Amino acid sequence: MLTRHQCLKILLVEDDLADATLIEDLLGSFSESLFRLKTVKSLEKGLACLEAEKFDAILLDLSVSDCLGGSEDIAILKSRSPTVPVVVLTDINDDNTALSLLRSGAQDCLVKGRFHRTLLVRAIHYAIERQRIEEQLRQQALRERLLGQMIEHIRSSIDAASILQSTVAEVRQFLKTDRVLIYRCQDWASQLDGEEQQGAIAAGDGLPLGYIENQNISAALAVSCFVFVESQSVQAIADVSAAELTGSYKELLADCEIAAVLSVPIWQSGDWETANNRLEGTFWEAENKPDAVEDYISRQAAQPQAQGSSTPDLRSENCNKLWGMLTAYNCSGIREWQQWEIDFLQHLANQVAIAIEQSQLYRQLAIANQRLQQLATTDGLTGIANRRQFDRVLMLEWRRLAREELPLSLIMLDIDFFKLYNEFYGHVGGDDCLRQVAGAIASAANRAGDFAARYGGEEFAVVLPNTSAEGAHAVARKICDNIASLKLPHARSPIGSYVTLSCGIATAIPAGEESCSTLIRSADSALFQAKTEGKNRICHAGRNPRWLEPAPAQTMSASAD
């Protein structure tokens, strides 16, 4: 804003001596020195003056020798000094000409011989004020556009590290300050896992080598966090040396060669903890209510969350916690922070807070979905696939091999006399037996594509894609050998001292008109045959022409260890 007695520096571009003298007399006829006039006789010399000195306004005569006579001259001046207002002096009294000059960037147009001192002074003052307002509007539009771009970048990413780093870089460039950083007062995500961590610089731009490890910097930032918690307000320090700060804080800033500070808090809403607790509740429900897992996954599949899509605003006005702060440092000298700079940083800090919460929530949701997916497809006792996953895999392999016309084998396995085992060793011993048997089965079905699952109770299944009856028999034989090597005691078994298995195998080339359930029925029939013939043996199904039988010598194989 112009003050009443401010001395303005004016550049006059005029080659007519009489006109130049008149302007000098008009502006110099005040009792106080309100104007300092510098006169040049050509546009070229005027441009050279603008390069060397700063002026508050330009008075331009369009009739000087090297002027082009209109809008082009104003464009040249504006390209060199876009923020210095131009008042045109002309001999032409024409409204259209004046309008054209104003549209080209001039702030006013005066006709020579038709203005007096008051009109000239008023035109200069108004031109300066209009130019100032235009520049403010331009800067505001630029800030809003930049802020919009930064917010768009924040919302389009869920990578917190990338968001924070790009934010500090863009803030430093826009504010033209020496250093910008984001400090995390406390790692809330780690705290949720039971780990208390100290604060740290999460992102920075313009930071000297070793800055992050500097203990004085860490101490100064930690003190700032306490100040935020107590004051609940922005820190805008124009001159650290003259500011009323606690002795240790001022010394820490001085030791870090910081002359001015602008710091705004990044608050994290209490809704983050609510969301995390809700996820933990989902895990508990999933572990105790298996059907809840399927319901949750079905809802997620029906309503997918794409990266960058909008999510509920997690921020609330109550129960906020200080996550950290966004701080700009000026090291080259004192700096009077403008209100728009404070507002800009505060708005950005709010968006960063939302982005951090979204990133944390997305991360927790990804972990939750992974855990729930695992719960939905894995048998909780044995750790191998469950019946639900078995049905899905078998159906997919049946359809695939029907197209490729390749064999598919299925082994059904049952622990012999497991009811007697449970009665003698108890359910804890029975569970341990099931776990060890499952591990032995999974280790034998170790080719890519082989799939082992707990079918139910003490019954297991192995899906063997592109495997002949002979190959399936070899896998079943290996499973039985693995069980035998475990030497799991079975004091109540009528056929031996250790745990044994009965195996039923079915092999077929899938047909599109048939269902994979036919393969299950055939393998189950073979398993029933193995159990009725004395258990601890391997039997093959072979009643259907499409079922592929092994060589006669391999049809049955007893292993009475």
Protein backbone atom coordinates (compact mmCIF):
# COMPACT_ATOMS: atom_id res chain seq x y z
CA MET A 1 0.00 0.00 0.00
CA LEU A 2 1.16 3.56 -0.73
CA THR A 3 1.86 5.70 2.29
CA ARG A 4 1.12 9.43 2.35
CA HIS A 5 4.73 10.63 2.31
CA GLN A 6 6.29 7.74 0.39
CA CYS A 7 8.83 8.87 -2.21
CA LEU A 8 8.15 7.22 -5.55
CA LYS A 9 10.83 6.53 -8.14
CA ILE A 10 9.55 7.26 -11.65
CA LEU A 11 11.16 6.41 -14.99
CA LEU A 12 10.25 8.92 -17.75
CA VAL A 13 10.86 7.85 -21.36
CA GLU A 14 10.61 11.16 -23.28
CA ASP A 15 12.79 12.67 -26.05
CA ASP A 16 10.99 16.04 -26.25
CA LEU A 17 12.85 18.45 -23.96
CA ALA A 18 9.84 20.71 -23.39
CA ASP A 19 7.56 17.81 -22.42
CA ALA A 20 10.22 16.31 -20.19
CA THR A 21 10.75 19.65 -18.44
CA LEU A 22 7.02 20.06 -17.94
CA ILE A 23 6.74 16.63 -16.30
CA GLU A 24 9.74 17.37 -14.09
CA ASP A 25 8.20 20.68 -13.02
CA LEU A 26 4.82 19.10 -12.26
CA LEU A 27 6.27 16.31 -10.15
CA GLY A 28 8.88 18.49 -8.49
CA SER A 29 6.54 21.29 -7.42
CA PHE A 30 5.77 19.79 -4.00
CA SER A 31 7.08 21.14 -0.74
CA GLU A 32 8.09 17.57 0.12
CA SER A 33 10.08 15.26 -2.10
CA LEU A 34 7.37 12.83 -3.19
CA PHE A 35 8.87 11.82 -6.54
CA ARG A 36 12.32 11.00 -7.84
CA LEU A 37 12.32 11.28 -11.59
CA LYS A 38 14.83 9.71 -13.97
CA THR A 39 14.51 10.78 -17.60
CA VAL A 40 15.82 8.89 -20.66
CA LYS A 41 15.35 9.78 -24.34
CA SER A 42 14.76 6.32 -25.84
CA LEU A 43 13.02 3.07 -25.12
CA GLU A 44 16.33 1.21 -25.36
CA LYS A 45 17.86 3.34 -22.58
CA GLY A 46 14.70 2.93 -20.55
CA LEU A 47 15.03 -0.87 -20.75
CA ALA A 48 18.65 -0.59 -19.63
CA CYS A 49 17.55 1.47 -16.59
CA LEU A 50 14.96 -1.16 -15.69
CA GLU A 51 17.68 -3.79 -15.73
CA ALA A 52 19.89 -1.75 -13.40
CA GLU A 53 17.40 -0.12 -11.02
CA LYS A 54 13.98 -0.58 -9.47
CA PHE A 55 11.18 1.86 -10.31
CA ASP A 56 7.66 2.32 -8.95
CA ALA A 57 6.14 3.45 -12.28
CA ILE A 58 6.99 4.24 -15.91
CA LEU A 59 5.83 7.27 -17.89
CA LEU A 60 6.16 6.34 -21.57
CA ASP A 61 5.91 8.73 -24.52
CA LEU A 62 4.99 6.60 -27.54
CA SER A 63 6.51 9.19 -29.93
CA VAL A 64 10.16 8.67 -28.89
CA SER A 65 12.43 7.82 -31.80
CA ASP A 66 12.76 4.04 -31.23
CA CYS A 67 9.17 3.34 -30.19
CA LEU A 68 6.98 1.29 -32.49
CA GLY A 69 4.06 3.49 -31.62
CA GLY A 70 1.68 1.33 -29.58
CA SER A 71 1.01 -2.02 -27.99
CA GLU A 72 4.35 -3.53 -29.01
CA ASP A 73 6.27 -1.01 -26.87
CA ILE A 74 4.16 -1.79 -23.79
CA ALA A 75 4.66 -5.53 -24.37
CA ILE A 76 8.44 -5.01 -24.46
CA LEU A 77 8.38 -3.08 -21.17
CA LYS A 78 6.13 -5.64 -19.50
CA SER A 79 8.38 -8.50 -20.58
CA ARG A 80 11.29 -6.86 -18.74
CA SER A 81 9.40 -5.52 -15.69
CA PRO A 82 5.97 -7.18 -15.46
CA THR A 83 5.11 -5.69 -12.06
CA VAL A 84 5.98 -2.04 -12.85
CA PRO A 85 2.89 -0.05 -13.99
CA VAL A 86 3.04 1.90 -17.26
CA VAL A 87 1.29 5.25 -17.83
CA VAL A 88 1.27 6.21 -21.52
CA LEU A 89 1.79 9.83 -22.69
CA THR A 90 0.43 10.46 -26.20
CA ASP A 91 -0.51 13.26 -28.58
CA ILE A 92 -3.47 11.28 -29.89
CA ASN A 93 -6.83 11.98 -28.22
CA ASP A 94 -8.71 8.87 -29.33
CA ASP A 95 -10.78 6.55 -27.13
CA ASN A 96 -10.14 3.46 -29.27
CA THR A 97 -6.39 4.03 -29.16
CA ALA A 98 -6.48 4.49 -25.39
CA LEU A 99 -8.57 1.31 -24.96
CA SER A 100 -6.14 -0.66 -27.10
CA LEU A 101 -3.20 0.55 -24.99
CA LEU A 102 -4.98 -0.42 -21.74
CA ARG A 103 -5.72 -3.87 -23.10
CA SER A 104 -2.03 -4.23 -23.93
CA GLY A 105 -1.06 -3.75 -20.30
CA ALA A 106 -0.89 0.01 -19.71
CA GLN A 107 -2.53 1.20 -16.50
CA ASP A 108 -3.54 4.64 -17.82
CA CYS A 109 -3.31 6.88 -20.85
CA LEU A 110 -2.82 10.69 -20.66
CA VAL A 111 -3.09 13.11 -23.58
CA LYS A 112 -0.27 15.65 -23.64
CA GLY A 113 -1.32 19.22 -22.92
CA ARG A 114 -4.57 18.09 -21.32
CA PHE A 115 -3.49 17.17 -17.82
CA HIS A 116 -2.34 19.18 -14.82
CA ARG A 117 -0.30 18.28 -11.77
CA THR A 118 -3.15 16.76 -9.73
CA LEU A 119 -4.33 14.58 -12.61
CA LEU A 120 -0.78 13.39 -13.32
CA VAL A 121 -0.09 12.53 -9.67
CA ARG A 122 -3.46 10.81 -9.36
CA ALA A 123 -2.81 8.79 -12.52
CA ILE A 124 0.57 7.62 -11.17
CA HIS A 125 -0.87 6.66 -7.77
CA TYR A 126 -3.86 4.88 -9.30
CA ALA A 127 -1.62 3.04 -11.77
CA ILE A 128 0.62 1.80 -8.96
CA GLU A 129 -2.38 0.70 -6.87
CA ARG A 130 -4.11 -1.02 -9.81
CA GLN A 131 -0.89 -2.81 -10.71
CA ARG A 132 -0.48 -3.91 -7.09
CA ILE A 133 -4.02 -5.30 -7.01
CA GLU A 134 -3.53 -7.05 -10.35
CA GLU A 135 -0.32 -8.60 -9.08
CA GLN A 136 -2.03 -9.74 -5.90
CA LEU A 137 -4.81 -11.34 -7.92
CA ARG A 138 -2.28 -12.96 -10.22
CA GLN A 139 -0.29 -14.31 -7.27
CA GLN A 140 -3.47 -15.53 -5.61
CA ALA A 141 -4.54 -17.33 -8.78
CA LEU A 142 -1.06 -18.83 -9.06
CA ARG A 143 -1.15 -19.98 -5.42
CA GLU A 144 -4.60 -21.49 -5.82
CA ARG A 145 -3.57 -23.26 -9.01
CA LEU A 146 -0.40 -24.60 -7.39
CA LEU A 147 -2.29 -25.60 -4.25
CA GLY A 148 -4.87 -27.37 -6.41
CA GLN A 149 -2.13 -29.24 -8.24
CA MET A 150 -0.47 -30.24 -4.98
CA ILE A 151 -3.77 -31.38 -3.48
CA GLU A 152 -4.56 -33.35 -6.63
CA HIS A 153 -1.17 -35.05 -6.39
CA ILE A 154 -1.78 -35.81 -2.71
CA ARG A 155 -5.20 -37.30 -3.43
CA SER A 156 -4.02 -39.34 -6.42
CA SER A 157 -1.42 -41.26 -4.43
CA ILE A 158 -1.52 -43.49 -1.36
CA ASP A 159 2.26 -43.62 -1.00
CA ALA A 160 2.87 -41.44 2.07
CA ALA A 161 6.64 -41.12 1.49
CA SER A 162 6.12 -39.86 -2.08
CA ILE A 163 3.40 -37.43 -0.96
CA LEU A 164 5.54 -35.92 1.81
CA GLN A 165 8.65 -35.55 -0.34
CA SER A 166 6.86 -33.91 -3.26
CA THR A 167 5.06 -31.58 -0.84
CA VAL A 168 8.24 -30.20 0.75
CA ALA A 169 9.90 -29.75 -2.65
CA GLU A 170 6.95 -27.82 -4.09
CA VAL A 171 6.51 -25.69 -0.95
CA ARG A 172 10.18 -24.69 -0.96
CA GLN A 173 10.05 -23.74 -4.62
CA PHE A 174 6.84 -21.76 -4.22
CA LEU A 175 7.76 -19.89 -1.04
CA LYS A 176 11.36 -19.38 -2.25
CA THR A 177 12.72 -20.28 1.16
CA ASP A 178 15.93 -22.06 2.12
CA ARG A 179 14.69 -25.25 3.77
CA VAL A 180 11.37 -27.06 4.11
CA LEU A 181 10.77 -30.22 6.08
CA ILE A 182 8.03 -32.39 7.52
CA TYR A 183 8.74 -33.63 11.02
CA ARG A 184 6.96 -36.62 12.49
CA CYS A 185 6.62 -36.09 16.22
CA GLN A 186 5.68 -39.70 16.83
CA ASP A 187 5.22 -42.80 14.70
CA TRP A 188 1.60 -43.63 15.44
CA ALA A 189 1.61 -46.67 13.19
CA SER A 190 4.50 -48.19 15.13
CA GLN A 191 2.85 -47.22 18.39
CA LEU A 192 -0.16 -49.29 17.38
CA ASP A 193 2.19 -52.27 17.18
CA GLY A 194 3.39 -51.60 20.71
CA GLU A 195 6.57 -49.75 19.78
CA GLU A 196 7.21 -46.25 21.09
CA GLN A 197 9.41 -44.34 18.64
CA GLN A 198 11.03 -40.94 18.83
CA GLY A 199 10.29 -38.21 16.32
CA ALA A 200 12.12 -37.98 13.01
CA ILE A 201 12.29 -35.90 9.83
CA ALA A 202 9.92 -37.65 7.43
CA ALA A 203 10.79 -35.54 4.36
CA GLY A 204 12.95 -32.54 3.57
CA ASP A 205 14.12 -30.31 0.74
CA GLY A 206 17.16 -28.03 0.75
CA LEU A 207 18.57 -29.74 3.84
CA PRO A 208 22.38 -29.75 4.13
CA LEU A 209 24.31 -33.00 4.40
CA GLY A 210 23.98 -34.49 7.88
CA TYR A 211 21.01 -32.28 8.73
CA ILE A 212 18.68 -35.16 9.57
CA GLU A 213 21.23 -36.69 11.95
CA ASN A 214 21.98 -33.35 13.65
CA GLN A 215 20.99 -33.65 17.31
CA ASN A 216 20.43 -29.89 17.65
CA ILE A 217 17.93 -29.99 14.79
CA SER A 218 16.12 -32.96 16.33
CA ALA A 219 16.02 -31.19 19.70
CA ALA A 220 14.68 -27.95 18.17
CA LEU A 221 11.97 -29.83 16.29
CA ALA A 222 11.00 -31.78 19.39
CA VAL A 223 10.65 -28.50 21.32
CA SER A 224 8.45 -27.16 18.50
CA CYS A 225 6.13 -30.14 18.96
CA PHE A 226 5.69 -29.28 22.64
CA VAL A 227 5.01 -25.65 21.70
CA PHE A 228 2.29 -26.76 19.28
CA VAL A 229 0.64 -28.98 21.86
CA GLU A 230 0.56 -26.11 24.36
CA SER A 231 -0.33 -23.20 22.05
CA GLN A 232 -2.51 -25.01 19.44
CA SER A 233 -1.41 -22.31 16.97
CA VAL A 234 0.97 -21.58 14.09
CA GLN A 235 4.60 -20.56 14.71
CA ALA A 236 5.49 -17.57 12.53
CA ILE A 237 8.84 -16.16 13.68
CA ALA A 238 10.17 -13.34 11.49
CA ASP A 239 13.42 -12.87 13.42
CA VAL A 240 14.65 -15.66 15.66
CA SER A 241 17.23 -13.43 17.34
CA ALA A 242 14.59 -10.88 18.41
CA ALA A 243 11.75 -13.32 19.18
CA GLU A 244 10.62 -14.03 22.73
CA LEU A 245 11.49 -17.71 22.92
CA THR A 246 12.68 -19.98 25.68
CA GLY A 247 16.43 -19.76 25.99
CA SER A 248 17.18 -23.31 24.91
CA TYR A 249 14.84 -23.14 21.90
CA LYS A 250 16.36 -19.87 20.67
CA GLU A 251 19.87 -21.26 21.09
CA LEU A 252 19.00 -24.42 19.21
CA LEU A 253 17.60 -22.44 16.27
CA ALA A 254 20.62 -20.12 16.28
CA ASP A 255 23.01 -23.10 16.32
CA CYS A 256 21.21 -24.42 13.24
CA GLU A 257 21.68 -21.03 11.49
CA ILE A 258 17.93 -20.45 11.26
CA ALA A 259 16.89 -16.79 11.01
CA ALA A 260 13.12 -17.12 10.46
CA VAL A 261 10.61 -19.94 10.99
CA LEU A 262 7.14 -20.67 9.70
CA SER A 263 5.73 -23.89 11.10
CA VAL A 264 2.20 -25.30 11.02
CA PRO A 265 0.94 -28.42 12.84
CA ILE A 266 -0.23 -31.61 11.17
CA TRP A 267 -3.01 -33.01 13.32
CA GLN A 268 -4.20 -36.59 13.15
CA SER A 269 -7.80 -37.22 14.05
CA GLY A 270 -8.95 -39.69 16.67
CA ASP A 271 -10.97 -41.43 13.94
CA TRP A 272 -7.72 -43.14 12.84
CA GLU A 273 -7.64 -45.16 16.06
CA THR A 274 -11.35 -45.92 15.66
CA ALA A 275 -10.71 -47.25 12.15
CA ASN A 276 -7.82 -49.37 13.36
CA ASN A 277 -9.90 -50.78 16.23
CA ARG A 278 -12.63 -51.59 13.74
CA LEU A 279 -10.13 -53.58 11.67
CA GLU A 280 -8.90 -55.44 14.74
CA GLY A 281 -12.53 -56.29 15.50
CA THR A 282 -12.90 -57.66 11.99
CA PHE A 283 -9.92 -59.97 12.55
CA TRP A 284 -11.43 -61.26 15.81
CA GLU A 285 -14.77 -61.89 14.13
CA ALA A 286 -13.07 -63.64 11.21
CA GLU A 287 -11.15 -65.98 13.49
CA ASN A 288 -14.23 -66.84 15.54
CA LYS A 289 -16.91 -66.74 12.83
CA PRO A 290 -15.67 -68.28 9.54
CA ASP A 291 -18.77 -67.15 7.63
CA ALA A 292 -17.93 -63.54 8.46
CA VAL A 293 -14.77 -63.83 6.37
CA GLU A 294 -16.68 -64.72 3.24
CA ASP A 295 -19.18 -61.93 3.86
CA TYR A 296 -16.38 -59.37 4.26
CA ILE A 297 -14.49 -60.50 1.15
CA SER A 298 -17.72 -60.53 -0.88
CA ARG A 299 -18.43 -56.93 0.15
CA GLN A 300 -14.89 -55.90 -0.79
CA ALA A 301 -15.20 -57.56 -4.20
CA ALA A 302 -18.57 -55.89 -4.81
CA GLN A 303 -17.20 -52.44 -3.94
CA PRO A 304 -13.54 -52.26 -5.03
CA GLN A 305 -11.46 -49.27 -3.91
CA ALA A 306 -9.37 -47.97 -6.78
CA GLN A 307 -6.13 -46.14 -6.06
CA GLY A 308 -6.75 -42.42 -5.83
CA SER A 309 -10.52 -42.80 -5.40
CA SER A 310 -12.27 -40.67 -2.85
CA THR A 311 -12.51 -41.96 0.71
CA PRO A 312 -14.38 -40.62 3.73
CA ASP A 313 -12.76 -37.64 5.39
CA LEU A 314 -11.27 -39.11 8.56
CA ARG A 315 -10.55 -35.77 10.19
CA SER A 316 -12.67 -34.52 13.11
CA GLU A 317 -12.53 -31.41 15.21
CA ASN A 318 -12.22 -33.33 18.47
CA CYS A 319 -9.66 -35.72 19.92
CA ASN A 320 -6.95 -34.68 17.44
CA LYS A 321 -3.37 -35.75 18.07
CA LEU A 322 -0.24 -34.00 16.83
CA TRP A 323 1.27 -36.19 14.12
CA GLY A 324 3.98 -33.69 13.19
CA MET A 325 4.54 -30.35 11.51
CA LEU A 326 5.27 -28.73 8.17
CA THR A 327 8.07 -26.20 8.62
CA ALA A 328 9.76 -23.62 6.38
CA TYR A 329 13.12 -22.12 7.42
CA ASN A 330 14.73 -18.93 6.17
CA CYS A 331 18.47 -18.98 6.84
CA SER A 332 19.67 -16.04 4.73
CA GLY A 333 17.99 -13.37 6.90
CA ILE A 334 14.84 -12.27 8.68
CA ARG A 335 11.53 -12.68 6.85
CA GLU A 336 8.14 -11.20 7.56
CA TRP A 337 5.80 -14.07 6.84
CA GLN A 338 2.71 -12.96 4.93
CA GLN A 339 -0.77 -14.06 5.95
CA TRP A 340 -1.30 -15.80 2.61
CA GLU A 341 1.86 -17.82 3.23
CA ILE A 342 0.53 -18.93 6.62
CA ASP A 343 -2.89 -19.76 5.13
CA PHE A 344 -1.24 -21.62 2.25
CA LEU A 345 0.86 -23.77 4.58
CA GLN A 346 -2.07 -24.47 6.92
CA HIS A 347 -4.32 -25.57 4.06
CA LEU A 348 -1.57 -27.79 2.72
CA ALA A 349 -0.89 -29.29 6.18
CA ASN A 350 -4.58 -30.24 6.44
CA GLN A 351 -4.39 -32.05 3.11
CA VAL A 352 -1.17 -33.78 4.13
CA ALA A 353 -2.86 -34.95 7.35
CA ILE A 354 -5.72 -36.46 5.35
CA ALA A 355 -3.25 -38.10 2.95
CA ILE A 356 -1.27 -39.61 5.84
CA GLU A 357 -4.41 -41.02 7.41
CA GLN A 358 -5.59 -42.39 4.06
CA SER A 359 -2.20 -43.97 3.42
CA GLN A 360 -2.20 -45.59 6.84
CA LEU A 361 -5.77 -46.79 6.39
CA TYR A 362 -5.04 -48.22 2.94
CA ARG A 363 -2.02 -50.01 4.38
CA GLN A 364 -4.07 -51.44 7.24
CA LEU A 365 -6.83 -52.43 4.81
CA ALA A 366 -4.31 -54.19 2.56
CA ILE A 367 -2.96 -56.11 5.55
CA ALA A 368 -6.51 -56.84 6.71
CA ASN A 369 -7.59 -58.10 3.30
CA GLN A 370 -4.50 -60.28 3.06
CA ARG A 371 -5.11 -61.73 6.52
CA LEU A 372 -8.82 -62.25 5.85
CA GLN A 373 -8.11 -63.84 2.48
CA GLN A 374 -5.71 -66.19 4.21
CA LEU A 375 -8.29 -67.01 6.86
CA ALA A 376 -10.87 -67.70 4.15
CA THR A 377 -8.66 -70.14 2.23
CA THR A 378 -6.50 -71.76 4.93
CA ASP A 379 -7.35 -74.42 7.47
CA GLY A 380 -6.75 -72.84 10.85
CA LEU A 381 -5.47 -76.01 12.52
CA THR A 382 -3.11 -77.50 9.93
CA GLY A 383 -2.06 -74.43 7.98
CA ILE A 384 -2.77 -75.99 4.57
CA ALA A 385 -5.69 -75.09 2.28
CA ASN A 386 -9.22 -75.66 3.55
CA ARG A 387 -12.22 -77.37 1.93
CA ARG A 388 -13.49 -74.11 0.40
CA GLN A 389 -10.19 -73.47 -1.37
CA PHE A 390 -9.98 -77.13 -2.43
CA ASP A 391 -13.37 -76.89 -4.19
CA ARG A 392 -12.30 -73.72 -6.01
CA VAL A 393 -8.91 -75.07 -7.15
CA LEU A 394 -10.29 -78.41 -8.29
CA MET A 395 -13.01 -76.73 -10.35
CA LEU A 396 -10.49 -74.40 -12.03
CA GLU A 397 -8.09 -77.24 -12.83
CA TRP A 398 -10.94 -79.39 -14.16
CA ARG A 399 -12.00 -76.66 -16.58
CA ARG A 400 -8.43 -75.87 -17.65
CA LEU A 401 -7.44 -79.48 -18.31
CA ALA A 402 -10.74 -80.12 -20.12
CA ARG A 403 -9.68 -77.44 -22.62
CA GLU A 404 -6.16 -78.85 -22.87
CA GLU A 405 -7.33 -82.52 -22.81
CA LEU A 406 -4.74 -83.48 -20.22
CA PRO A 407 -5.13 -85.83 -17.21
CA LEU A 408 -6.08 -84.68 -13.72
CA SER A 409 -5.46 -86.87 -10.67
CA LEU A 410 -7.00 -86.64 -7.22
CA ILE A 411 -5.79 -88.41 -4.08
CA MET A 412 -8.13 -88.71 -1.10
CA LEU A 413 -6.40 -89.68 2.16
CA ASP A 414 -7.75 -90.69 5.56
CA ILE A 415 -5.91 -91.33 8.85
CA ASP A 416 -6.56 -94.90 9.91
CA PHE A 417 -8.40 -95.40 13.23
CA PHE A 418 -8.23 -91.70 14.06
CA LYS A 419 -11.25 -91.89 16.36
CA LEU A 420 -9.38 -94.39 18.52
CA TYR A 421 -6.31 -92.13 18.38
CA ASN A 422 -8.35 -89.16 19.65
CA GLU A 423 -9.90 -91.21 22.44
CA PHE A 424 -6.50 -92.38 23.69
CA TYR A 425 -4.33 -89.27 23.19
CA GLY A 426 -7.04 -86.63 23.63
CA HIS A 427 -8.00 -83.77 21.32
CA VAL A 428 -4.74 -81.90 21.89
CA GLY A 429 -2.78 -84.96 20.78
CA GLY A 430 -5.20 -85.44 17.90
CA ASP A 431 -4.70 -81.88 16.72
CA ASP A 432 -0.94 -82.31 16.83
CA CYS A 433 -1.25 -85.51 14.80
CA LEU A 434 -3.35 -83.72 12.16
CA ARG A 435 -0.77 -80.94 11.88
CA GLN A 436 2.12 -83.38 11.37
CA VAL A 437 0.20 -85.45 8.83
CA ALA A 438 -0.76 -82.28 6.91
CA GLY A 439 2.90 -81.23 6.81
CA ALA A 440 3.97 -84.64 5.49
CA ILE A 441 1.30 -84.54 2.76
CA ALA A 442 2.19 -80.96 1.71
CA SER A 443 5.91 -81.78 1.52
CA ALA A 444 5.21 -84.68 -0.87
CA ALA A 445 2.98 -82.60 -3.17
CA ASN A 446 5.74 -80.13 -3.97
CA ARG A 447 5.58 -79.63 -7.74
CA ALA A 448 4.29 -76.37 -9.20
CA GLY A 449 0.54 -76.81 -9.47
CA ASP A 450 0.28 -79.62 -6.89
CA PHE A 451 -2.27 -78.69 -4.25
CA ALA A 452 -2.83 -80.22 -0.79
CA ALA A 453 -5.86 -79.44 1.38
CA ARG A 454 -7.68 -80.64 4.47
CA TYR A 455 -10.94 -82.06 3.18
CA GLY A 456 -12.59 -82.41 6.57
CA GLY A 457 -11.92 -84.06 9.95
CA GLU A 458 -9.04 -86.52 9.50
CA GLU A 459 -9.47 -86.62 5.71
CA PHE A 460 -7.13 -84.86 3.28
CA ALA A 461 -6.98 -84.35 -0.51
CA VAL A 462 -4.24 -83.73 -3.07
CA VAL A 463 -4.97 -82.27 -6.54
CA LEU A 464 -2.36 -83.22 -9.18
CA PRO A 465 -2.83 -81.42 -12.53
CA ASN A 466 -1.43 -83.00 -15.69
CA THR A 467 -0.54 -86.14 -13.72
CA SER A 468 -1.10 -89.75 -14.83
CA ALA A 469 -2.35 -92.53 -12.59
CA GLU A 470 1.22 -93.79 -12.23
CA GLY A 471 2.41 -90.33 -11.21
CA ALA A 472 -0.39 -90.00 -8.68
CA HIS A 473 0.50 -93.41 -7.26
CA ALA A 474 4.10 -92.28 -6.82
CA VAL A 475 2.97 -89.19 -4.93
CA ALA A 476 0.66 -91.24 -2.72
CA ARG A 477 3.51 -93.69 -2.05
CA LYS A 478 5.78 -90.78 -1.07
CA ILE A 479 3.11 -89.43 1.31
CA CYS A 480 2.78 -92.81 2.99
CA ASP A 481 6.57 -93.06 3.31
CA ASN A 482 6.67 -89.57 4.87
CA ILE A 483 4.04 -90.59 7.42
CA ALA A 484 5.94 -93.78 8.20
CA SER A 485 9.16 -91.82 8.77
CA LEU A 486 7.39 -89.64 11.35
CA LYS A 487 6.76 -92.74 13.51
CA LEU A 488 3.76 -91.15 15.21
CA PRO A 489 2.78 -93.61 17.96
CA HIS A 490 -0.74 -95.09 17.72
CA ALA A 491 -1.27 -97.37 20.70
CA ARG A 492 -4.86 -98.23 19.70
CA SER A 493 -4.24 -99.10 16.03
CA PRO A 494 -5.18 -102.74 15.26
CA ILE A 495 -2.76 -102.85 12.29
CA GLY A 496 0.47 -101.42 13.71
CA SER A 497 2.23 -99.30 16.29
CA TYR A 498 2.27 -96.07 14.29
CA VAL A 499 -0.13 -93.77 12.44
CA THR A 500 -0.92 -94.92 8.87
CA LEU A 501 -3.00 -93.64 5.95
CA SER A 502 -5.49 -95.11 3.50
CA CYS A 503 -5.39 -93.56 0.01
CA GLY A 504 -7.86 -93.50 -2.86
CA ILE A 505 -6.80 -92.28 -6.30
CA ALA A 506 -8.85 -91.28 -9.32
CA THR A 507 -7.36 -90.08 -12.62
CA ALA A 508 -9.28 -88.79 -15.64
CA ILE A 509 -9.11 -86.52 -18.63
CA PRO A 510 -11.81 -83.97 -17.73
CA ALA A 511 -14.80 -83.61 -20.05
CA GLY A 512 -16.69 -80.36 -20.40
CA GLU A 513 -20.09 -82.06 -19.99
CA GLU A 514 -19.08 -83.61 -16.66
CA SER A 515 -18.54 -82.04 -13.25
CA CYS A 516 -15.42 -82.31 -11.13
CA SER A 517 -17.62 -83.86 -8.45
CA THR A 518 -17.46 -87.11 -10.43
CA LEU A 519 -13.70 -87.19 -9.82
CA ILE A 520 -14.27 -86.65 -6.09
CA ARG A 521 -16.81 -89.48 -5.94
CA SER A 522 -14.45 -91.84 -7.75
CA ALA A 523 -11.48 -91.01 -5.50
CA ASP A 524 -13.72 -91.34 -2.46
CA SER A 525 -14.88 -94.77 -3.66
CA ALA A 526 -11.27 -95.83 -4.06
CA LEU A 527 -10.56 -94.58 -0.54
CA PHE A 528 -13.53 -96.58 0.77
CA GLN A 529 -12.15 -99.64 -0.99
CA ALA A 530 -8.73 -99.11 0.66
CA LYS A 531 -10.32 -98.88 4.10
CA THR A 532 -12.59 -101.90 3.66
CA GLU A 533 -9.70 -104.02 2.41
CA GLY A 534 -7.73 -103.49 5.59
CA LYS A 535 -6.54 -99.87 5.54
CA ASN A 536 -2.91 -98.69 5.21
CA ARG A 537 -2.96 -99.10 1.44
CA ILE A 538 -3.47 -97.32 -1.90
CA CYS A 539 -6.40 -98.10 -4.22
CA HIS A 540 -7.32 -96.74 -7.66
CA ALA A 541 -10.74 -96.06 -9.19
CA GLY A 542 -11.35 -97.53 -12.63
CA ARG A 543 -14.96 -98.18 -13.41
CA ASN A 544 -15.47 -95.36 -15.95
CA PRO A 545 -13.83 -95.67 -19.41
CA ARG A 546 -12.52 -92.14 -19.00
CA TRP A 547 -10.80 -93.02 -15.72
CA LEU A 548 -7.18 -93.84 -16.36
CA GLU A 549 -5.84 -96.81 -14.41
CA PRO A 550 -2.22 -97.47 -13.54
CA ALA A 551 -0.31 -100.56 -14.60
CA PRO A 552 -1.72 -103.74 -12.99
CA ALA A 553 1.22 -104.09 -10.61
CA GLN A 554 0.45 -100.66 -9.12
CA THR A 555 -3.31 -101.04 -8.66
CA MET A 556 -2.88 -101.85 -4.96
CA SER A 557 0.04 -101.29 -2.69
CA ALA A 558 -0.13 -102.19 0.99
CA SER A 559 2.32 -100.83 3.51
CA ALA A 560 1.85 -102.64 6.79
CA ASP A 561 4.70 -101.07 8.72
